[in-house]
Amino acid sequence: MRAVLGSGARVLGSLWGPALLYLAVRGLGTLIFWGMTAAQDRIDWRPWDADWYLKIAEHGYVASGVGMLDASGKPSPDGAYAFFPLYPMVVRLFAAVFGDNYTVAGIVVSTLAGVVGPYGMARLTRLLGGNSRAEAIAVVLVAAAPMSVVYTLPYPESLLIALVVWALVALLERRWWLFALLTGIAGTSNPMAGPLIVVAIVAACAAVDERGQRRWWAGVTPLLAAAGMLGYLFWVAANTARGYFHISEVGWGNRIDGGLVTAEWVFDAVTTNRDLFVVVTAVAIVASVVAVVMVRRQMPWPVWLYTLGTVALIVVHSGLVQDRVRLLLSAFPLLILAAIRLTRCSTRVAVVITGLVSLFGLWFGAYALAVWPHAI
C-alpha cells in the first residue's frame, strides 16, 4: 500500500507540480505588485499596451484607435494594428463568461496561458539534460523573471511563451506538424515569434540534406509556420493605407537600426544615468548578449538559434528601449540553462540563489509599474 501511495504521490506531483509552483510564484509577485502600486496610488490592471489589447478585444481594430494615443502621445487611429490579434481574440471569447468584463477576462487568459507554459518548460528542461530539480528551478526562474508581472496582466507574453516553448519541444521531439502548427499560431500573437519562424525555415533546409529521413514535409513546414504572421501582415496592409511596419515605426519608433538606439541606451546607463530601471535594463541587455554567445554549444541548435534570434531582434530594433526587459522574457531558454547549472550546486546554495534572483525579479516588475513613469 505504501508503494502504491508513493507512486500516486509522484504522479500527482508530476501532474500538478509545475502549475502549482508557477501559481505560487506568480501569486507572490501579484501581492508585491498590488502592495507597491497601492502604496504609490498607481494600481492599474490594464497599463500601457494592455489597454490597447483590451480595447481591440472589446471594439475590434477599426474602433479601437479612436481616442487612443501612440507612444509619442499623438492620436493614432490606425495604432491598434500594431498589436497582433491572437490575444485579444481569446480575451473576447472569455469576456462573455465574465459578464463582458474585459480586464478580468484578460487576466484570466494570461494566467491560464501561463499555467500551460511551465509544463513545456519542464519538458524542455529534460530535453536539454536537466533533472527534476532543474525543472522546478526553471519554472521558478521563468515565473519570477524581471517583468514577469505581465504574466498576470492583460499582456500576450504568457500566451506567446507557452506556444513557443511547446513548439520547441515538438521540434526537438521531431513532431514536425505540431511544431509548424504551434509556430504558425504563435506568429499571430506577437512579432517576437519571428525567430521561431526562422528556426522553422532553417530546420526545413537542413532536413533536405538528411539522408534516410522523410523530407516531404520540408517544403510545407516553413509555409505553415509563417502563415499566421504573414497572414496578419497582409491583412493589415489590405485594411490600412500604411501597413504594419509603417504604423509601428510612426507610432512606436520601431525599425531595424542595427542596435544604435540600444547602444546609446547602454552607454548612457553606464556613464551618466542613475535611474535604476535604466541601469537594470542595460545590464539585462548586455548579459543576454554575452550569455547567448557563451552557451552556443550547450543547447541543441534549434533552441540556440531561436534564443540568438530573440536577443538579436531585441538589440537591433529601435523604439522604446524601456520595454526590452519585457521582451527578453522570450529568451527563456537562457533561464532554463541557468537552472540546469544551478543543480550542480548544493541544494542550499541553489535555493538561496534561486530565491534571491526570484525576489529581485518580482520586485522589479512591481517597481516598473509603481515607480517608473514610462511605458514597459
Protein backbone atom coordinates (compact mmCIF):
# COMPACT_ATOMS: atom_id res chain seq x y z
CA MET A 1 0.00 0.00 0.00
CA ARG A 2 2.81 2.40 0.87
CA ALA A 3 4.39 1.77 -2.52
CA VAL A 4 1.09 2.46 -4.26
CA LEU A 5 0.59 5.68 -2.31
CA GLY A 6 4.12 6.73 -3.06
CA SER A 7 3.62 6.09 -6.76
CA GLY A 8 0.35 8.03 -6.70
CA ALA A 9 2.00 10.96 -4.95
CA ARG A 10 4.72 11.04 -7.58
CA VAL A 11 2.15 11.02 -10.38
CA LEU A 12 0.14 13.75 -8.67
CA GLY A 13 3.28 15.79 -8.16
CA SER A 14 4.20 15.39 -11.80
CA LEU A 15 0.70 16.33 -12.91
CA TRP A 16 0.14 19.38 -10.71
CA GLY A 17 3.67 20.35 -9.70
CA PRO A 18 4.57 22.81 -12.49
CA ALA A 19 1.21 24.58 -12.31
CA LEU A 20 1.20 24.88 -8.52
CA LEU A 21 4.80 26.08 -8.44
CA TYR A 22 4.13 28.65 -11.15
CA LEU A 23 0.93 29.91 -9.49
CA ALA A 24 2.66 30.18 -6.12
CA VAL A 25 5.41 32.35 -7.57
CA ARG A 26 3.00 34.46 -9.59
CA GLY A 27 0.74 34.81 -6.55
CA LEU A 28 3.64 36.25 -4.57
CA GLY A 29 4.51 38.50 -7.49
CA THR A 30 0.94 39.77 -7.70
CA LEU A 31 0.92 40.57 -3.98
CA ILE A 32 4.16 42.54 -4.35
CA PHE A 33 2.73 44.33 -7.39
CA TRP A 34 -0.51 45.18 -5.59
CA GLY A 35 1.29 46.35 -2.45
CA MET A 36 3.76 48.61 -4.25
CA THR A 37 1.26 50.12 -6.67
CA ALA A 38 -1.27 50.67 -3.88
CA ALA A 39 1.35 52.46 -1.81
CA GLN A 40 2.01 54.77 -4.77
CA ASP A 41 -1.71 55.05 -5.57
CA ARG A 42 -0.97 53.70 -9.05
CA ILE A 43 -2.97 50.47 -9.18
CA ASP A 44 -3.73 49.80 -12.83
CA TRP A 45 -4.66 46.32 -14.04
CA ARG A 46 -4.55 47.36 -17.70
CA PRO A 47 -1.43 49.53 -18.09
CA TRP A 48 0.11 50.73 -21.33
CA ASP A 49 -0.16 48.08 -24.07
CA ALA A 50 -2.70 46.13 -22.04
CA ASP A 51 -5.22 48.91 -22.64
CA TRP A 52 -4.73 48.59 -26.39
CA TYR A 53 -5.21 44.82 -26.33
CA LEU A 54 -8.39 45.07 -24.28
CA LYS A 55 -9.79 47.84 -26.48
CA ILE A 56 -9.16 45.64 -29.52
CA ALA A 57 -10.83 42.70 -27.79
CA GLU A 58 -13.89 44.80 -26.98
CA HIS A 59 -14.28 47.01 -30.04
CA GLY A 60 -12.23 45.45 -32.83
CA TYR A 61 -9.38 47.06 -34.74
CA VAL A 62 -11.19 49.89 -36.51
CA ALA A 63 -12.95 51.39 -33.48
CA SER A 64 -10.10 50.78 -31.02
CA GLY A 65 -7.90 53.54 -32.40
CA VAL A 66 -10.49 56.24 -31.71
CA GLY A 67 -9.25 58.41 -28.84
CA MET A 68 -6.11 56.31 -28.30
CA LEU A 69 -2.60 57.73 -28.27
CA ASP A 70 0.61 56.19 -29.54
CA ALA A 71 3.95 56.19 -27.71
CA SER A 72 4.62 59.79 -28.71
CA GLY A 73 1.31 60.94 -27.24
CA LYS A 74 -0.29 61.61 -30.62
CA PRO A 75 -3.72 60.35 -31.78
CA SER A 76 -3.31 57.06 -33.61
CA PRO A 77 -6.46 55.92 -35.45
CA ASP A 78 -4.56 53.01 -37.03
CA GLY A 79 -2.46 52.31 -33.94
CA ALA A 80 -4.42 49.21 -32.98
CA TYR A 81 -2.98 47.40 -35.99
CA ALA A 82 0.45 47.47 -34.32
CA PHE A 83 -0.86 44.83 -31.88
CA PHE A 84 -1.20 41.24 -33.06
CA PRO A 85 -4.66 39.61 -32.94
CA LEU A 86 -4.46 36.26 -31.15
CA TYR A 87 -4.51 37.52 -27.57
CA PRO A 88 -7.43 39.97 -27.99
CA MET A 89 -9.38 37.30 -29.88
CA VAL A 90 -9.01 34.84 -27.00
CA VAL A 91 -9.86 37.56 -24.46
CA ARG A 92 -13.02 38.37 -26.39
CA LEU A 93 -14.12 34.74 -26.14
CA PHE A 94 -13.52 34.67 -22.39
CA ALA A 95 -15.17 38.04 -21.78
CA ALA A 96 -18.60 36.55 -22.43
CA VAL A 97 -18.05 34.25 -19.43
CA PHE A 98 -17.19 37.19 -17.15
CA GLY A 99 -20.07 39.48 -17.98
CA ASP A 100 -18.10 41.41 -20.62
CA ASN A 101 -15.51 42.44 -18.04
CA TYR A 102 -12.56 42.53 -20.40
CA THR A 103 -9.99 43.34 -17.73
CA VAL A 104 -10.87 40.22 -15.74
CA ALA A 105 -11.02 38.16 -18.93
CA GLY A 106 -7.55 39.38 -19.92
CA ILE A 107 -6.06 38.49 -16.54
CA VAL A 108 -7.68 35.04 -16.67
CA VAL A 109 -6.40 34.37 -20.19
CA SER A 110 -2.87 35.45 -19.24
CA THR A 111 -2.95 33.29 -16.11
CA LEU A 112 -4.28 30.20 -17.88
CA ALA A 113 -1.74 30.54 -20.67
CA GLY A 114 0.91 30.99 -18.01
CA VAL A 115 -0.10 27.70 -16.41
CA VAL A 116 0.34 25.85 -19.71
CA GLY A 117 3.85 27.22 -20.19
CA PRO A 118 5.55 25.64 -17.13
CA TYR A 119 4.75 22.13 -18.35
CA GLY A 120 6.57 22.96 -21.56
CA MET A 121 9.42 24.48 -19.53
CA ALA A 122 9.74 21.26 -17.56
CA ARG A 123 9.73 19.13 -20.72
CA LEU A 124 12.27 21.36 -22.45
CA THR A 125 14.48 21.30 -19.36
CA ARG A 126 14.54 17.49 -19.57
CA LEU A 127 15.35 17.61 -23.26
CA LEU A 128 18.27 19.93 -22.51
CA GLY A 129 19.67 17.45 -19.98
CA GLY A 130 18.12 18.66 -16.73
CA ASN A 131 16.64 16.61 -13.90
CA SER A 132 13.56 17.15 -11.73
CA ARG A 133 15.39 19.74 -9.59
CA ALA A 134 16.31 21.65 -12.73
CA GLU A 135 12.69 21.53 -13.86
CA ALA A 136 11.50 23.11 -10.61
CA ILE A 137 14.18 25.79 -10.66
CA ALA A 138 13.44 26.59 -14.31
CA VAL A 139 9.74 27.07 -13.61
CA VAL A 140 10.52 29.37 -10.68
CA LEU A 141 13.08 31.44 -12.61
CA VAL A 142 10.76 31.89 -15.58
CA ALA A 143 7.76 32.73 -13.39
CA ALA A 144 9.78 35.29 -11.41
CA ALA A 145 11.90 36.79 -14.19
CA PRO A 146 12.16 40.59 -14.30
CA MET A 147 8.93 41.97 -15.84
CA SER A 148 7.15 38.64 -15.35
CA VAL A 149 4.44 40.83 -13.81
CA VAL A 150 2.93 40.90 -17.32
CA TYR A 151 2.16 37.18 -16.99
CA THR A 152 -0.74 38.13 -14.75
CA LEU A 153 -1.75 41.32 -16.58
CA PRO A 154 -3.58 41.64 -19.92
CA TYR A 155 -0.40 41.21 -21.97
CA PRO A 156 0.22 38.47 -24.59
CA GLU A 157 3.62 37.34 -23.28
CA SER A 158 2.37 34.30 -21.34
CA LEU A 159 0.40 33.11 -24.39
CA LEU A 160 3.35 33.67 -26.71
CA ILE A 161 5.82 31.88 -24.46
CA ALA A 162 3.50 28.92 -23.91
CA LEU A 163 3.23 28.47 -27.68
CA VAL A 164 6.96 28.94 -28.26
CA VAL A 165 8.15 26.53 -25.57
CA TRP A 166 5.81 23.77 -26.74
CA ALA A 167 6.82 24.42 -30.35
CA LEU A 168 10.48 23.95 -29.40
CA VAL A 169 9.61 20.75 -27.54
CA ALA A 170 7.74 19.48 -30.60
CA LEU A 171 10.71 20.28 -32.84
CA LEU A 172 13.24 18.52 -30.59
CA GLU A 173 10.91 15.51 -30.45
CA ARG A 174 10.64 15.62 -34.25
CA ARG A 175 6.90 16.19 -34.32
CA TRP A 176 7.08 18.43 -37.36
CA TRP A 177 3.41 19.13 -37.94
CA LEU A 178 2.81 20.11 -34.33
CA PHE A 179 5.88 22.35 -34.42
CA ALA A 180 4.70 24.07 -37.59
CA LEU A 181 1.16 24.48 -36.28
CA LEU A 182 2.25 25.97 -32.94
CA THR A 183 4.71 28.27 -34.70
CA GLY A 184 2.01 29.44 -37.07
CA ILE A 185 -0.32 30.22 -34.17
CA ALA A 186 2.48 31.95 -32.24
CA GLY A 187 3.02 34.17 -35.26
CA THR A 188 -0.42 35.69 -34.73
CA SER A 189 0.31 36.58 -31.11
CA ASN A 190 3.41 38.76 -31.19
CA PRO A 191 6.22 39.80 -33.56
CA MET A 192 8.64 38.16 -31.11
CA ALA A 193 7.57 34.85 -32.69
CA GLY A 194 9.69 35.83 -35.70
CA PRO A 195 12.84 33.98 -34.56
CA LEU A 196 10.81 30.77 -34.24
CA ILE A 197 9.77 31.11 -37.88
CA VAL A 198 13.44 31.46 -38.82
CA VAL A 199 14.13 28.20 -36.96
CA ALA A 200 11.37 26.52 -38.98
CA ILE A 201 12.95 27.67 -42.25
CA VAL A 202 16.45 26.56 -41.24
CA ALA A 203 15.16 23.21 -39.96
CA ALA A 204 13.40 22.61 -43.26
CA CYS A 205 16.54 23.45 -45.23
CA ALA A 206 18.66 21.19 -43.04
CA ALA A 207 16.21 18.32 -43.44
CA VAL A 208 16.70 18.31 -47.21
CA ASP A 209 20.26 17.11 -46.71
CA GLU A 210 19.49 14.41 -44.15
CA ARG A 211 19.82 11.02 -45.75
CA GLY A 212 17.31 8.39 -44.85
CA GLN A 213 14.83 10.87 -43.41
CA ARG A 214 11.36 11.67 -44.65
CA ARG A 215 11.84 15.02 -46.35
CA TRP A 216 8.45 15.65 -47.93
CA TRP A 217 7.44 17.92 -45.06
CA ALA A 218 10.43 20.21 -45.57
CA GLY A 219 8.65 22.46 -48.04
CA VAL A 220 5.41 22.58 -46.06
CA THR A 221 6.69 23.25 -42.54
CA PRO A 222 8.06 26.79 -43.09
CA LEU A 223 4.95 27.79 -45.04
CA LEU A 224 2.65 26.68 -42.24
CA ALA A 225 4.96 28.18 -39.61
CA ALA A 226 4.98 31.58 -41.32
CA ALA A 227 1.32 31.58 -42.36
CA GLY A 228 -0.01 33.21 -39.19
CA MET A 229 2.34 36.18 -39.10
CA LEU A 230 2.34 36.73 -42.86
CA GLY A 231 -1.43 36.45 -42.95
CA TYR A 232 -1.79 39.18 -40.34
CA LEU A 233 0.72 41.47 -42.05
CA PHE A 234 -1.09 41.11 -45.38
CA TRP A 235 -4.42 41.73 -43.66
CA VAL A 236 -3.12 44.96 -42.12
CA ALA A 237 -1.76 46.07 -45.49
CA ALA A 238 -5.16 45.44 -47.06
CA ASN A 239 -7.06 47.34 -44.36
CA THR A 240 -4.82 50.37 -43.86
CA ALA A 241 -3.13 52.85 -46.11
CA ARG A 242 0.27 52.40 -44.49
CA GLY A 243 0.79 48.78 -43.48
CA TYR A 244 2.05 47.27 -40.23
CA PHE A 245 5.69 48.36 -40.33
CA HIS A 246 4.88 51.98 -41.10
CA ILE A 247 2.29 52.12 -38.32
CA SER A 248 4.73 50.57 -35.86
CA GLU A 249 7.54 52.92 -36.83
CA VAL A 250 5.48 56.12 -36.78
CA GLY A 251 3.65 55.31 -33.55
CA TRP A 252 6.32 53.49 -31.56
CA GLY A 253 9.58 54.18 -33.39
CA ASN A 254 10.11 50.52 -34.23
CA ARG A 255 12.53 49.86 -37.06
CA ILE A 256 15.78 47.98 -37.60
CA ASP A 257 18.66 50.35 -36.84
CA GLY A 258 21.43 47.84 -36.25
CA GLY A 259 21.41 48.41 -32.49
CA LEU A 260 22.27 52.12 -32.44
CA VAL A 261 19.45 53.11 -30.07
CA THR A 262 20.21 50.16 -27.80
CA ALA A 263 23.92 51.01 -27.73
CA GLU A 264 23.17 54.63 -26.84
CA TRP A 265 20.87 53.49 -24.02
CA VAL A 266 23.52 51.15 -22.61
CA PHE A 267 26.25 53.79 -22.89
CA ASP A 268 24.05 56.33 -21.11
CA ALA A 269 23.26 53.81 -18.38
CA VAL A 270 26.91 53.10 -17.57
CA THR A 271 28.16 56.68 -17.83
CA THR A 272 25.60 59.29 -16.75
CA ASN A 273 22.22 57.80 -15.91
CA ARG A 274 21.41 56.96 -12.30
CA ASP A 275 17.88 55.65 -12.82
CA LEU A 276 17.56 52.08 -11.52
CA PHE A 277 15.23 50.99 -14.31
CA VAL A 278 17.62 52.23 -16.99
CA VAL A 279 20.63 50.55 -15.38
CA VAL A 280 18.85 47.20 -14.90
CA THR A 281 17.63 47.29 -18.50
CA ALA A 282 21.16 47.93 -19.77
CA VAL A 283 22.60 45.14 -17.62
CA ALA A 284 19.90 42.72 -18.80
CA ILE A 285 20.60 43.51 -22.46
CA VAL A 286 24.37 43.11 -22.14
CA ALA A 287 24.07 39.97 -20.01
CA SER A 288 21.71 38.38 -22.55
CA VAL A 289 24.06 39.10 -25.44
CA VAL A 290 27.05 37.66 -23.58
CA ALA A 291 25.07 34.64 -22.38
CA VAL A 292 23.68 33.68 -25.77
CA VAL A 293 27.19 33.72 -27.25
CA MET A 294 28.65 31.64 -24.41
CA VAL A 295 26.00 28.88 -24.47
CA ARG A 296 26.27 28.06 -28.17
CA ARG A 297 27.49 24.51 -27.55
CA GLN A 298 25.25 23.86 -24.57
CA MET A 299 21.92 23.88 -26.41
CA PRO A 300 20.54 21.97 -29.39
CA TRP A 301 20.94 24.22 -32.40
CA PRO A 302 17.18 24.98 -32.84
CA VAL A 303 16.89 26.23 -29.26
CA TRP A 304 20.09 28.23 -29.53
CA LEU A 305 19.12 29.73 -32.89
CA TYR A 306 15.74 30.77 -31.50
CA THR A 307 17.40 32.35 -28.46
CA LEU A 308 20.01 34.09 -30.60
CA GLY A 309 17.33 35.43 -32.92
CA THR A 310 15.28 36.69 -29.99
CA VAL A 311 18.17 38.54 -28.37
CA ALA A 312 19.33 39.89 -31.74
CA LEU A 313 15.85 41.18 -32.61
CA ILE A 314 15.63 42.95 -29.26
CA VAL A 315 19.04 44.57 -29.72
CA VAL A 316 18.88 45.68 -33.36
CA HIS A 317 15.47 47.36 -33.38
CA SER A 318 14.90 50.92 -32.26
CA GLY A 319 11.81 52.22 -30.50
CA LEU A 320 11.05 52.04 -26.80
CA VAL A 321 14.15 50.69 -25.10
CA GLN A 322 12.36 50.50 -21.76
CA ASP A 323 10.34 47.52 -22.97
CA ARG A 324 13.46 45.43 -23.64
CA VAL A 325 13.37 43.61 -20.29
CA ARG A 326 9.79 42.54 -21.01
CA LEU A 327 10.78 41.40 -24.49
CA LEU A 328 13.68 39.42 -23.02
CA LEU A 329 11.12 37.15 -21.35
CA SER A 330 11.05 35.40 -24.74
CA ALA A 331 14.71 34.43 -24.25
CA PHE A 332 13.63 31.96 -21.55
CA PRO A 333 15.99 29.15 -22.73
CA LEU A 334 18.78 31.10 -21.03
CA LEU A 335 16.93 30.74 -17.72
CA ILE A 336 16.42 27.03 -18.32
CA LEU A 337 20.15 26.60 -18.88
CA ALA A 338 20.83 28.61 -15.71
CA ALA A 339 18.50 26.26 -13.82
CA ILE A 340 20.43 23.24 -15.06
CA ARG A 341 23.68 24.87 -13.98
CA LEU A 342 22.27 25.55 -10.50
CA THR A 343 21.62 21.85 -9.95
CA ARG A 344 25.40 21.38 -9.86
CA CYS A 345 25.47 23.42 -6.65
CA SER A 346 24.40 22.14 -3.26
CA THR A 347 20.69 22.27 -2.54
CA ARG A 348 21.16 25.10 -0.05
CA VAL A 349 23.15 27.24 -2.49
CA ALA A 350 20.68 26.56 -5.31
CA VAL A 351 17.71 27.51 -3.11
CA VAL A 352 19.36 30.72 -1.88
CA ILE A 353 20.39 31.86 -5.37
CA THR A 354 17.03 30.97 -6.89
CA GLY A 355 15.19 32.71 -4.07
CA LEU A 356 17.21 35.92 -4.24
CA VAL A 357 17.06 36.14 -8.03
CA SER A 358 13.32 35.46 -7.97
CA LEU A 359 12.58 38.06 -5.31
CA PHE A 360 14.51 40.65 -7.28
CA GLY A 361 12.63 39.79 -10.47
CA LEU A 362 9.24 40.01 -8.76
CA TRP A 363 10.17 43.29 -7.08
CA PHE A 364 11.50 44.79 -10.31
CA GLY A 365 8.26 44.13 -12.19
CA ALA A 366 6.26 45.83 -9.45
CA TYR A 367 8.74 48.72 -9.35
CA ALA A 368 8.39 49.21 -13.11
CA LEU A 369 4.66 49.82 -12.72
CA ALA A 370 4.65 51.55 -9.33
CA VAL A 371 7.60 53.93 -9.70
CA TRP A 372 8.86 54.03 -13.29
CA PRO A 373 6.71 56.66 -15.05
CA HIS A 374 7.07 55.42 -18.62
CA ALA A 375 5.79 52.51 -20.69
CA ILE A 376 7.03 48.99 -20.08
